[in-house]
């Protein structure tokens, strides 16, 4: 079983993750580029529920593509 985070663009921090184990969004404070999210967070232990993290970055990729940003 994993903790499935849904990542979105943020305010203040570049990216935030919806965490199902504690409803709400939490900042991904260590990441500045989309391409770094999965390598850094996937498989690590969720600080809330202690399960391995699985990041879904589809929303961020879609948004980056629409805006023509090169943070991928």
C-alpha atoms as a PDB file:
ATOM      1  CA  UNK A   1       0.000   0.000   0.000  1.00  0.00           C
ATOM      2  CA  UNK A   2       1.269   3.479  -0.865  1.00  0.00           C
ATOM      3  CA  UNK A   3       0.397   7.069  -0.020  1.00  0.00           C
ATOM      4  CA  UNK A   4      -0.655   8.557  -3.364  1.00  0.00           C
ATOM      5  CA  UNK A   5       0.233  12.234  -3.564  1.00  0.00           C
ATOM      6  CA  UNK A   6      -1.279  14.423  -6.281  1.00  0.00           C
ATOM      7  CA  UNK A   7       1.065  17.261  -7.153  1.00  0.00           C
ATOM      8  CA  UNK A   8      -0.041  20.697  -8.346  1.00  0.00           C
ATOM      9  CA  UNK A   9       1.569  24.076  -8.857  1.00  0.00           C
ATOM     10  CA  UNK A  10       1.742  26.162  -5.747  1.00  0.00           C
ATOM     11  CA  UNK A  11       1.751  29.589  -4.282  1.00  0.00           C
ATOM     12  CA  UNK A  12       4.832  30.494  -2.263  1.00  0.00           C
ATOM     13  CA  UNK A  13       6.415  27.114  -3.027  1.00  0.00           C
ATOM     14  CA  UNK A  14       6.592  25.978  -6.667  1.00  0.00           C
ATOM     15  CA  UNK A  15       4.725  22.709  -6.009  1.00  0.00           C
ATOM     16  CA  UNK A  16       2.287  21.295  -3.478  1.00  0.00           C
ATOM     17  CA  UNK A  17       1.006  17.765  -2.935  1.00  0.00           C
ATOM     18  CA  UNK A  18      -2.474  16.670  -1.974  1.00  0.00           C
ATOM     19  CA  UNK A  19      -2.005  14.017   0.680  1.00  0.00           C
ATOM     20  CA  UNK A  20      -4.882  11.567   1.180  1.00  0.00           C
ATOM     21  CA  UNK A  21      -3.723  10.484   4.625  1.00  0.00           C
ATOM     22  CA  UNK A  22      -4.219  14.004   5.996  1.00  0.00           C
ATOM     23  CA  UNK A  23      -6.643  15.831   3.743  1.00  0.00           C
ATOM     24  CA  UNK A  24      -5.105  18.996   2.355  1.00  0.00           C
ATOM     25  CA  UNK A  25      -2.105  20.275   0.448  1.00  0.00           C
ATOM     26  CA  UNK A  26       1.466  20.263   1.703  1.00  0.00           C
ATOM     27  CA  UNK A  27       4.422  22.136   0.167  1.00  0.00           C
ATOM     28  CA  UNK A  28       7.155  20.248  -1.661  1.00  0.00           C
ATOM     29  CA  UNK A  29       9.836  22.522  -0.285  1.00  0.00           C
ATOM     30  CA  UNK A  30      12.888  20.698  -1.635  1.00  0.00           C
ATOM     31  CA  UNK A  31      11.946  20.692  -5.315  1.00  0.00           C
ATOM     32  CA  UNK A  32      12.171  23.476  -7.917  1.00  0.00           C
ATOM     33  CA  UNK A  33      11.637  21.505 -11.150  1.00  0.00           C
ATOM     34  CA  UNK A  34       8.962  19.016 -12.178  1.00  0.00           C
ATOM     35  CA  UNK A  35      11.523  16.478 -13.355  1.00  0.00           C
ATOM     36  CA  UNK A  36      12.929  16.276  -9.822  1.00  0.00           C
ATOM     37  CA  UNK A  37       9.653  15.493  -8.022  1.00  0.00           C
ATOM     38  CA  UNK A  38       9.346  11.755  -8.684  1.00  0.00           C
ATOM     39  CA  UNK A  39      13.046  10.922  -8.219  1.00  0.00           C
ATOM     40  CA  UNK A  40      13.131  12.759  -4.908  1.00  0.00           C
ATOM     41  CA  UNK A  41       9.782  11.794  -3.351  1.00  0.00           C
ATOM     42  CA  UNK A  42       8.667   8.469  -4.898  1.00  0.00           C
ATOM     43  CA  UNK A  43       9.412   5.584  -2.577  1.00  0.00           C
ATOM     44  CA  UNK A  44      10.281   7.776   0.402  1.00  0.00           C
ATOM     45  CA  UNK A  45       8.292   7.406   3.575  1.00  0.00           C
ATOM     46  CA  UNK A  46       5.313   9.762   3.903  1.00  0.00           C
ATOM     47  CA  UNK A  47       5.961  11.962   6.955  1.00  0.00           C
ATOM     48  CA  UNK A  48       2.269  11.717   7.895  1.00  0.00           C
ATOM     49  CA  UNK A  49       1.233   8.063   7.486  1.00  0.00           C
ATOM     50  CA  UNK A  50       4.681   6.425   7.067  1.00  0.00           C
ATOM     51  CA  UNK A  51       3.685   4.560   3.858  1.00  0.00           C
ATOM     52  CA  UNK A  52       5.876   4.789   0.725  1.00  0.00           C
ATOM     53  CA  UNK A  53       5.032   7.849  -1.401  1.00  0.00           C
ATOM     54  CA  UNK A  54       3.775   7.578  -4.979  1.00  0.00           C
ATOM     55  CA  UNK A  55       3.573  10.966  -6.770  1.00  0.00           C
ATOM     56  CA  UNK A  56       1.115  11.721  -9.547  1.00  0.00           C
ATOM     57  CA  UNK A  57       2.505  14.701 -11.511  1.00  0.00           C
ATOM     58  CA  UNK A  58       0.046  14.668 -14.433  1.00  0.00           C
ATOM     59  CA  UNK A  59      -1.609  17.972 -13.431  1.00  0.00           C
ATOM     60  CA  UNK A  60       1.734  19.757 -13.229  1.00  0.00           C
ATOM     61  CA  UNK A  61       2.967  18.388 -16.553  1.00  0.00           C
ATOM     62  CA  UNK A  62      -0.300  19.398 -18.216  1.00  0.00           C
ATOM     63  CA  UNK A  63      -0.053  22.905 -16.756  1.00  0.00           C
ATOM     64  CA  UNK A  64       3.629  23.265 -17.695  1.00  0.00           C
ATOM     65  CA  UNK A  65       2.871  22.186 -21.257  1.00  0.00           C
ATOM     66  CA  UNK A  66       0.002  24.700 -21.573  1.00  0.00           C
ATOM     67  CA  UNK A  67       2.131  27.553 -20.247  1.00  0.00           C
ATOM     68  CA  UNK A  68       5.186  26.611 -22.300  1.00  0.00           C
ATOM     69  CA  UNK A  69       7.387  26.412 -19.213  1.00  0.00           C
ATOM     70  CA  UNK A  70      10.633  24.468 -19.361  1.00  0.00           C
ATOM     71  CA  UNK A  71      10.687  23.180 -15.791  1.00  0.00           C
ATOM     72  CA  UNK A  72      10.067  19.658 -17.013  1.00  0.00           C
END
